[in-house]
Every structure is written in C-alpha cells, then in structure tokens.
C-alpha atoms as a PDB file:
ATOM      1  CA  MET A   1       0.000   0.000   0.000  1.00  0.00           C
ATOM      2  CA  LEU A   2       2.860   2.390   0.690  1.00  0.00           C
ATOM      3  CA  GLU A   3       4.226   2.098  -2.844  1.00  0.00           C
ATOM      4  CA  PRO A   4       3.420   5.074  -5.121  1.00  0.00           C
ATOM      5  CA  SER A   5       1.362   2.938  -7.474  1.00  0.00           C
ATOM      6  CA  GLY A   6      -0.720   1.616  -4.587  1.00  0.00           C
ATOM      7  CA  LEU A   7      -1.298   5.092  -3.179  1.00  0.00           C
ATOM      8  CA  ILE A   8      -2.434   6.397  -6.560  1.00  0.00           C
ATOM      9  CA  GLU A   9      -4.741   3.437  -7.067  1.00  0.00           C
ATOM     10  CA  GLN A  10      -6.360   3.753  -3.631  1.00  0.00           C
ATOM     11  CA  GLY A  11      -6.438   7.529  -3.469  1.00  0.00           C
ATOM     12  CA  GLY A  12      -9.135   7.953  -6.081  1.00  0.00           C
ATOM     13  CA  PRO A  13      -9.513  10.458  -8.925  1.00  0.00           C
ATOM     14  CA  LEU A  14      -8.418  13.461  -6.872  1.00  0.00           C
ATOM     15  CA  VAL A  15      -4.929  11.978  -6.620  1.00  0.00           C
ATOM     16  CA  TRP A  16      -4.658  12.379 -10.387  1.00  0.00           C
ATOM     17  CA  VAL A  17      -5.711  16.004  -9.989  1.00  0.00           C
ATOM     18  CA  LEU A  18      -2.916  16.473  -7.469  1.00  0.00           C
ATOM     19  CA  LEU A  19      -0.423  14.813  -9.797  1.00  0.00           C
ATOM     20  CA  GLY A  20      -1.532  17.166 -12.575  1.00  0.00           C
ATOM     21  CA  LEU A  21      -0.993  20.163 -10.312  1.00  0.00           C
ATOM     22  CA  ALA A  22       2.410  18.792  -9.331  1.00  0.00           C
ATOM     23  CA  PHE A  23       3.365  18.496 -13.004  1.00  0.00           C
ATOM     24  CA  VAL A  24       2.310  22.090 -13.714  1.00  0.00           C
ATOM     25  CA  GLY A  25       4.239  23.332 -10.692  1.00  0.00           C
ATOM     26  CA  ALA A  26       7.356  21.382 -11.683  1.00  0.00           C
ATOM     27  CA  VAL A  27       7.281  22.857 -15.190  1.00  0.00           C
ATOM     28  CA  CYS A  28       6.982  26.387 -13.752  1.00  0.00           C
ATOM     29  CA  VAL A  29       9.839  25.756 -11.309  1.00  0.00           C
ATOM     30  CA  ILE A  30      12.149  24.504 -14.060  1.00  0.00           C
ATOM     31  CA  GLU A  31      11.268  27.463 -16.294  1.00  0.00           C
ATOM     32  CA  ARG A  32      12.001  29.974 -13.503  1.00  0.00           C
ATOM     33  CA  MET A  33      15.302  28.281 -12.719  1.00  0.00           C
ATOM     34  CA  PHE A  34      16.447  28.663 -16.317  1.00  0.00           C
ATOM     35  CA  PHE A  35      15.232  32.282 -16.413  1.00  0.00           C
ATOM     36  CA  PHE A  36      17.078  33.396 -13.280  1.00  0.00           C
ATOM     37  CA  HIS A  37      20.165  31.478 -14.366  1.00  0.00           C
ATOM     38  CA  ARG A  38      20.217  33.356 -17.689  1.00  0.00           C
ATOM     39  CA  ALA A  39      19.499  36.670 -15.955  1.00  0.00           C
ATOM     40  CA  ARG A  40      22.414  36.252 -13.562  1.00  0.00           C
ATOM     41  CA  ILE A  41      24.912  39.017 -14.261  1.00  0.00           C
ATOM     42  CA  ASN A  42      27.388  41.099 -12.302  1.00  0.00           C
ATOM     43  CA  VAL A  43      25.736  44.511 -12.357  1.00  0.00           C
ATOM     44  CA  GLY A  44      28.829  46.254 -11.003  1.00  0.00           C
ATOM     45  CA  ASP A  45      31.071  44.941 -13.775  1.00  0.00           C
ATOM     46  CA  LEU A  46      28.493  45.848 -16.419  1.00  0.00           C
ATOM     47  CA  LEU A  47      28.175  49.423 -15.145  1.00  0.00           C
ATOM     48  CA  VAL A  48      31.941  49.826 -14.918  1.00  0.00           C
ATOM     49  CA  GLY A  49      32.360  48.694 -18.525  1.00  0.00           C
ATOM     50  CA  LEU A  50      29.565  50.897 -19.816  1.00  0.00           C
ATOM     51  CA  GLY A  51      30.833  53.863 -17.815  1.00  0.00           C
ATOM     52  CA  HIS A  52      34.295  53.428 -19.331  1.00  0.00           C
ATOM     53  CA  HIS A  53      32.826  53.524 -22.866  1.00  0.00           C
ATOM     54  CA  ILE A  54      30.613  56.516 -22.056  1.00  0.00           C
ATOM     55  CA  ARG A  55      33.509  58.543 -20.650  1.00  0.00           C
ATOM     56  CA  ARG A  56      35.465  57.851 -23.835  1.00  0.00           C
ATOM     57  CA  ARG A  57      32.395  58.851 -25.916  1.00  0.00           C
ATOM     58  CA  ALA A  58      32.447  55.338 -27.419  1.00  0.00           C
ATOM     59  CA  PHE A  59      28.694  54.899 -27.464  1.00  0.00           C
ATOM     60  CA  ALA A  60      28.751  52.315 -30.252  1.00  0.00           C
ATOM     61  CA  GLU A  61      30.862  50.026 -28.054  1.00  0.00           C
ATOM     62  CA  ALA A  62      28.595  50.716 -25.072  1.00  0.00           C
ATOM     63  CA  LEU A  63      25.505  49.798 -27.083  1.00  0.00           C
ATOM     64  CA  HIS A  64      27.169  46.629 -28.340  1.00  0.00           C
ATOM     65  CA  GLU A  65      28.193  45.565 -24.833  1.00  0.00           C
ATOM     66  CA  ALA A  66      24.711  46.245 -23.407  1.00  0.00           C
ATOM     67  CA  ALA A  67      23.034  44.355 -26.256  1.00  0.00           C
ATOM     68  CA  ARG A  68      25.377  41.392 -25.852  1.00  0.00           C
ATOM     69  CA  ALA A  69      24.894  41.070 -22.084  1.00  0.00           C
ATOM     70  CA  PRO A  70      21.961  38.843 -21.033  1.00  0.00           C
ATOM     71  CA  GLY A  71      19.165  39.677 -18.651  1.00  0.00           C
ATOM     72  CA  PRO A  72      16.758  42.527 -17.905  1.00  0.00           C
ATOM     73  CA  VAL A  73      19.446  44.757 -16.343  1.00  0.00           C
ATOM     74  CA  ALA A  74      21.315  44.931 -19.627  1.00  0.00           C
ATOM     75  CA  ARG A  75      18.101  45.619 -21.537  1.00  0.00           C
ATOM     76  CA  VAL A  76      17.330  48.597 -19.291  1.00  0.00           C
ATOM     77  CA  ALA A  77      20.850  49.939 -19.821  1.00  0.00           C
ATOM     78  CA  HIS A  78      20.451  49.439 -23.570  1.00  0.00           C
ATOM     79  CA  ALA A  79      17.190  51.409 -23.549  1.00  0.00           C
ATOM     80  CA  ALA A  80      18.916  54.293 -21.787  1.00  0.00           C
ATOM     81  CA  LEU A  81      21.805  54.288 -24.266  1.00  0.00           C
ATOM     82  CA  LEU A  82      19.425  54.461 -27.212  1.00  0.00           C
ATOM     83  CA  ARG A  83      18.061  57.755 -25.865  1.00  0.00           C
ATOM     84  CA  TYR A  84      21.282  59.282 -24.596  1.00  0.00           C
ATOM     85  CA  TYR A  85      20.323  62.718 -25.956  1.00  0.00           C
ATOM     86  CA  LEU A  86      17.365  63.235 -23.598  1.00  0.00           C
ATOM     87  CA  PRO A  87      17.654  65.416 -20.501  1.00  0.00           C
ATOM     88  CA  ARG A  88      18.094  63.839 -17.099  1.00  0.00           C
ATOM     89  CA  ARG A  89      14.393  63.898 -16.199  1.00  0.00           C
ATOM     90  CA  ASP A  90      13.333  62.241 -19.458  1.00  0.00           C
ATOM     91  CA  LEU A  91      16.095  59.664 -19.172  1.00  0.00           C
ATOM     92  CA  ARG A  92      14.797  58.796 -15.730  1.00  0.00           C
ATOM     93  CA  ASP A  93      11.343  58.194 -17.206  1.00  0.00           C
ATOM     94  CA  VAL A  94      12.846  56.037 -19.957  1.00  0.00           C
ATOM     95  CA  VAL A  95      14.659  53.701 -17.577  1.00  0.00           C
ATOM     96  CA  GLN A  96      11.613  53.552 -15.290  1.00  0.00           C
ATOM     97  CA  GLU A  97       9.369  52.487 -18.178  1.00  0.00           C
ATOM     98  CA  ALA A  98      11.956  49.979 -19.377  1.00  0.00           C
ATOM     99  CA  GLY A  99      12.155  48.517 -15.861  1.00  0.00           C
ATOM    100  CA  GLN A 100       8.383  48.265 -15.616  1.00  0.00           C
ATOM    101  CA  MET A 101       8.356  46.332 -18.883  1.00  0.00           C
ATOM    102  CA  GLU A 102      10.702  43.772 -17.336  1.00  0.00           C
ATOM    103  CA  VAL A 103       8.627  43.169 -14.198  1.00  0.00           C
ATOM    104  CA  PRO A 104       6.052  40.846 -15.872  1.00  0.00           C
ATOM    105  CA  ARG A 105       8.881  38.708 -17.246  1.00  0.00           C
ATOM    106  CA  ILE A 106      10.475  38.494 -13.816  1.00  0.00           C
ATOM    107  CA  GLU A 107       7.212  37.561 -12.061  1.00  0.00           C
ATOM    108  CA  LYS A 108       6.087  35.107 -14.753  1.00  0.00           C
ATOM    109  CA  ASN A 109       4.930  31.724 -13.360  1.00  0.00           C
ATOM    110  CA  VAL A 110       5.747  32.759  -9.778  1.00  0.00           C
ATOM    111  CA  ARG A 111       2.050  33.170  -8.978  1.00  0.00           C
ATOM    112  CA  ALA A 112       1.352  29.842 -10.690  1.00  0.00           C
ATOM    113  CA  ILE A 113       3.752  28.145  -8.268  1.00  0.00           C
ATOM    114  CA  LEU A 114       1.979  29.842  -5.365  1.00  0.00           C
ATOM    115  CA  GLY A 115      -1.381  28.721  -6.778  1.00  0.00           C
ATOM    116  CA  VAL A 116      -0.226  25.090  -6.863  1.00  0.00           C
ATOM    117  CA  ALA A 117       1.077  25.382  -3.294  1.00  0.00           C
ATOM    118  CA  LEU A 118      -2.286  26.710  -2.100  1.00  0.00           C
ATOM    119  CA  LEU A 119      -4.563  24.437  -4.122  1.00  0.00           C
ATOM    120  CA  CYS A 120      -2.908  21.104  -3.351  1.00  0.00           C
ATOM    121  CA  PRO A 121      -3.757  21.030   0.393  1.00  0.00           C
ATOM    122  CA  LEU A 122      -7.333  22.060  -0.380  1.00  0.00           C
ATOM    123  CA  VAL A 123      -7.732  19.345  -3.001  1.00  0.00           C
ATOM    124  CA  GLY A 124      -6.168  16.819  -0.643  1.00  0.00           C
ATOM    125  CA  MET A 125      -8.513  17.827   2.163  1.00  0.00           C
ATOM    126  CA  LEU A 126     -11.469  17.583  -0.188  1.00  0.00           C
ATOM    127  CA  GLY A 127     -10.461  14.047  -1.142  1.00  0.00           C
ATOM    128  CA  THR A 128     -10.113  13.105   2.512  1.00  0.00           C
ATOM    129  CA  MET A 129     -13.542  14.483   3.371  1.00  0.00           C
ATOM    130  CA  VAL A 130     -15.145  12.672   0.440  1.00  0.00           C
ATOM    131  CA  GLU A 131     -13.567   9.375   1.451  1.00  0.00           C
ATOM    132  CA  MET A 132     -14.554   9.858   5.105  1.00  0.00           C
ATOM    133  CA  VAL A 133     -18.144  10.511   4.095  1.00  0.00           C
ATOM    134  CA  GLU A 134     -18.076   7.289   2.086  1.00  0.00           C
ATOM    135  CA  VAL A 135     -16.653   5.346   5.044  1.00  0.00           C
ATOM    136  CA  PHE A 136     -19.303   6.571   7.478  1.00  0.00           C
ATOM    137  CA  GLN A 137     -21.988   5.978   4.894  1.00  0.00           C
ATOM    138  CA  ASN A 138     -20.921   2.334   4.638  1.00  0.00           C
ATOM    139  CA  VAL A 139     -20.946   2.046   8.433  1.00  0.00           C
ATOM    140  CA  SER A 140     -24.422   3.553   8.551  1.00  0.00           C
ATOM    141  CA  GLU A 141     -25.716   1.110   5.954  1.00  0.00           C
ATOM    142  CA  ARG A 142     -24.547  -1.754   8.167  1.00  0.00           C
ATOM    143  CA  GLY A 143     -26.477  -0.479  11.134  1.00  0.00           C
ATOM    144  CA  GLY A 144     -23.615   1.339  12.780  1.00  0.00           C
ATOM    145  CA  PHE A 145     -21.386  -1.711  13.032  1.00  0.00           C
ATOM    146  CA  SER A 146     -18.199  -2.255  11.064  1.00  0.00           C
ATOM    147  CA  VAL A 147     -15.173  -4.499  11.183  1.00  0.00           C
ATOM    148  CA  PRO A 148     -12.209  -2.560  12.657  1.00  0.00           C
ATOM    149  CA  ALA A 149      -9.965  -3.641   9.792  1.00  0.00           C
ATOM    150  CA  GLU A 150     -12.392  -2.263   7.230  1.00  0.00           C
ATOM    151  CA  LEU A 151     -12.764   0.994   9.134  1.00  0.00           C
ATOM    152  CA  THR A 152      -8.978   1.354   9.405  1.00  0.00           C
ATOM    153  CA  GLU A 153      -8.568   0.712   5.696  1.00  0.00           C
ATOM    154  CA  GLY A 154     -11.210   3.309   4.890  1.00  0.00           C
ATOM    155  CA  VAL A 155      -9.564   5.965   7.045  1.00  0.00           C
ATOM    156  CA  PHE A 156      -6.180   5.123   5.518  1.00  0.00           C
ATOM    157  CA  THR A 157      -7.605   5.570   2.034  1.00  0.00           C
ATOM    158  CA  ALA A 158      -9.186   8.866   3.045  1.00  0.00           C
ATOM    159  CA  LEU A 159      -5.876  10.255   4.307  1.00  0.00           C
ATOM    160  CA  ILE A 160      -3.970   9.459   1.115  1.00  0.00           C
ATOM    161  CA  THR A 161      -5.112  12.570  -0.744  1.00  0.00           C
ATOM    162  CA  SER A 162      -4.171  14.832   2.173  1.00  0.00           C
ATOM    163  CA  VAL A 163      -0.715  13.285   2.355  1.00  0.00           C
ATOM    164  CA  VAL A 164      -0.172  13.640  -1.389  1.00  0.00           C
ATOM    165  CA  GLY A 165      -1.487  17.216  -1.348  1.00  0.00           C
ATOM    166  CA  LEU A 166       0.851  18.289   1.452  1.00  0.00           C
ATOM    167  CA  THR A 167       3.770  16.451  -0.157  1.00  0.00           C
ATOM    168  CA  VAL A 168       3.308  18.567  -3.268  1.00  0.00           C
ATOM    169  CA  ALA A 169       2.401  21.816  -1.506  1.00  0.00           C
ATOM    170  CA  VAL A 170       5.363  22.099   0.887  1.00  0.00           C
ATOM    171  CA  PRO A 171       8.184  22.122  -1.714  1.00  0.00           C
ATOM    172  CA  MET A 172       6.125  24.297  -4.052  1.00  0.00           C
ATOM    173  CA  TYR A 173       5.712  26.942  -1.366  1.00  0.00           C
ATOM    174  CA  VAL A 174       9.438  26.793  -0.626  1.00  0.00           C
ATOM    175  CA  PHE A 175      10.174  27.352  -4.325  1.00  0.00           C
ATOM    176  CA  TYR A 176       7.701  30.242  -4.352  1.00  0.00           C
ATOM    177  CA  LEU A 177       9.509  31.991  -1.492  1.00  0.00           C
ATOM    178  CA  TYR A 178      12.864  31.367  -3.175  1.00  0.00           C
ATOM    179  CA  PHE A 179      11.778  32.802  -6.536  1.00  0.00           C
ATOM    180  CA  LEU A 180      10.004  35.717  -4.864  1.00  0.00           C
ATOM    181  CA  GLY A 181      13.227  36.688  -3.140  1.00  0.00           C
ATOM    182  CA  ARG A 182      15.221  36.420  -6.349  1.00  0.00           C
ATOM    183  CA  ALA A 183      12.640  38.501  -8.210  1.00  0.00           C
ATOM    184  CA  LYS A 184      12.828  41.294  -5.635  1.00  0.00           C
ATOM    185  CA  ARG A 185      16.622  41.310  -5.772  1.00  0.00           C
ATOM    186  CA  LEU A 186      16.552  41.445  -9.566  1.00  0.00           C
ATOM    187  CA  VAL A 187      14.120  44.372  -9.537  1.00  0.00           C
ATOM    188  CA  HIS A 188      16.447  46.160  -7.120  1.00  0.00           C
ATOM    189  CA  ARG A 189      19.385  45.604  -9.503  1.00  0.00           C
ATOM    190  CA  ILE A 190      17.326  47.009 -12.372  1.00  0.00           C
ATOM    191  CA  GLU A 191      16.536  50.147 -10.389  1.00  0.00           C
ATOM    192  CA  ARG A 192      20.174  50.559  -9.435  1.00  0.00           C
ATOM    193  CA  ALA A 193      21.368  50.122 -13.016  1.00  0.00           C
ATOM    194  CA  GLY A 194      18.775  52.609 -14.276  1.00  0.00           C
ATOM    195  CA  ILE A 195      19.860  55.283 -11.795  1.00  0.00           C
ATOM    196  CA  GLU A 196      23.532  54.732 -12.607  1.00  0.00           C
ATOM    197  CA  MET A 197      22.913  54.914 -16.357  1.00  0.00           C
ATOM    198  CA  VAL A 198      21.002  58.187 -16.009  1.00  0.00           C
ATOM    199  CA  ASN A 199      23.835  59.689 -13.985  1.00  0.00           C
ATOM    200  CA  LEU A 200      26.523  58.453 -16.375  1.00  0.00           C
ATOM    201  CA  LEU A 201      24.794  59.785 -19.488  1.00  0.00           C
ATOM    202  CA  ALA A 202      23.759  63.091 -17.942  1.00  0.00           C
ATOM    203  CA  ASP A 203      27.244  63.733 -16.549  1.00  0.00           C
ATOM    204  CA  ALA A 204      28.891  62.838 -19.860  1.00  0.00           C
ATOM    205  CA  ARG A 205      26.622  65.186 -21.782  1.00  0.00           C
ATOM    206  CA  GLU A 206      27.599  68.059 -19.548  1.00  0.00           C
ATOM    207  CA  GLU A 207      31.259  67.722 -20.479  1.00  0.00           C
ATOM    208  CA  GLU A 208      32.804  69.730 -23.287  1.00  0.00           C
ATOM    209  CA  GLU A 209      32.991  68.447 -26.854  1.00  0.00           C
ATOM    210  CA  PHE A 210      30.391  65.737 -26.385  1.00  0.00           C
ATOM    211  CA  SER A 211      30.203  63.550 -29.515  1.00  0.00           C
ATOM    212  CA  PRO A 212      27.207  61.229 -30.063  1.00  0.00           C
ATOM    213  CA  PHE A 213      27.856  57.652 -31.118  1.00  0.00           C
ATOM    214  CA  ARG A 214      25.996  58.108 -34.418  1.00  0.00           C
ATOM    215  CA  GLY A 215      28.827  60.151 -35.801  1.00  0.00           C
ATOM    216  CA  GLU A 216      27.077  63.480 -35.497  1.00  0.00           C
ATOM    217  CA  VAL A 217      29.031  66.132 -33.709  1.00  0.00           C
ATOM    218  CA  SER A 218      26.890  67.929 -31.182  1.00  0.00           C
ATOM    219  CA  ALA A 219      27.233  71.605 -30.481  1.00  0.00           C
ATOM    220  CA  GLY A 220      29.825  71.646 -27.740  1.00  0.00           C
ATOM    221  CA  ARG A 221      30.408  74.481 -25.423  1.00  0.00           C
ATOM    222  CA  LYS A 222      32.340  77.325 -26.996  1.00  0.00           C
ATOM    223  CA  PRO A 223      35.413  78.452 -25.091  1.00  0.00           C
ATOM    224  CA  PRO A 224      34.948  81.752 -23.332  1.00  0.00           C
ATOM    225  CA  LYS A 225      36.242  84.771 -25.219  1.00  0.00           C
ATOM    226  CA  PRO A 226      39.262  86.455 -23.638  1.00  0.00           C
ATOM    227  CA  LYS A 227      38.350  89.601 -21.793  1.00  0.00           C
ATOM    228  CA  PRO A 228      39.996  92.786 -23.047  1.00  0.00           C
ATOM    229  CA  ASP A 229      42.776  94.103 -20.892  1.00  0.00           C
ATOM    230  CA  ALA A 230      41.368  96.788 -18.710  1.00  0.00           C
ATOM    231  CA  GLY A 231      44.735  98.547 -18.621  1.00  0.00           C
ATOM    232  CA  LYS A 232      44.772  99.258 -22.355  1.00  0.00           C
END
C-alpha cells in the first residue's frame, strides 16, 4: 500500500488532480530556474564597462556591450543608451518604463507556483472528506457496526489525498519563497542600473565636446572669449 502505485490506485480520482498540479508546478519551477540562471549578471562589472565607454564617448561600443549582455538589467541599460540625448528627467522616465516592462517577465509563473502550493492542500482535504463521508456511509448502511480492519482501511484511504497534497504543496511553497526573493533582488538591480545609467549619461553630456555615437558632432560648449585688458 505504501508504494506510489498503490497510493495512486487507492487515493481515487483526486490523486490524479494532485499529480496534474504537481506536473504544472514542476514545469513552472524549471522554467524559472532557467530564467534566473540566464538573468544572472554582475551589475557592477556591467556598469563599470559601460561607464568606461561613455567617458570615452564610445557609445557604439557601449551599445554593443549592453546588447550582448543577457538579462533585464542589460536591456534597461540598452534602452537608456538608445536615448542618450534626452535630458536627465526624461532619461529617468525612460529607464523607469523599461524597468516596468521587465517586471512581468520576472514575475512570470511565480504566482502559478503559489497557486499550486495553495490548491494542493485544499484538493487533498477535499479528497479526505469525500472518502470519510463514504466510510461513514458504509458504516451507517450496516447499522452502525463495522469491522475494525475495514474501518482502518477506509480511514487510511481517506488520508492518502491529504498526504499527497501536502507532499506537493510544501516544496512548491518553498520554491515560491525562493523565486520571490530572487525577483525582488533582480528588480532592485534594475533600479540601481537605471539610476547609474542616467547619472553616467547626464554627466557625460555636460562635459565639453560631447560627440554622439551616431557620428554626429553635437554643439559643444564654446570656449569663453578672452576679456579685453582693462589697462589698455
């Protein structure tokens, strides 16, 4: 009875529902693992490299490095580099919008994992209640008398769905907390990268002889004219 095949056979149709939920949750967990693995990037190293290109006015190299780097942090930096010519306030809006566009990708399937973790105990409890009702109905049909072995077997069968539901729900909730923490940390890195990119671009534009990466020479600041000698 304790073998998986025996538990599935005795648990009834709701055990198959729990197995279906477990399959959906496992697929979501694997997908999130691959996503966060691909999005893993050293934000400090990326910002240092981009800042070096920006200070040298090598915006083509900065765009290439941001486009080549994986993850949402690099995409936000790339969006800021594409609109380098905007003032500081508009650049801040650009990186904020780009970060907001990344949030649904970061939170994808996380709520599905939470849904599986919450539904499995409820489905398991429902299966237990249904089986218990069936057991007491059989006892009632026999005039309130039942063989102890039969009653024990009925209660054991009723508890199978609860056990399976909790077995699925506990690891799913742990994965949900893990991915929720990683999502919050990734959003924080996006916000940090956006602020740093705005400061880098705005500071570089304020320097003299600022040259855009498209090859167009912007109107740099003209050197101040020498003041006439007051003694002449």
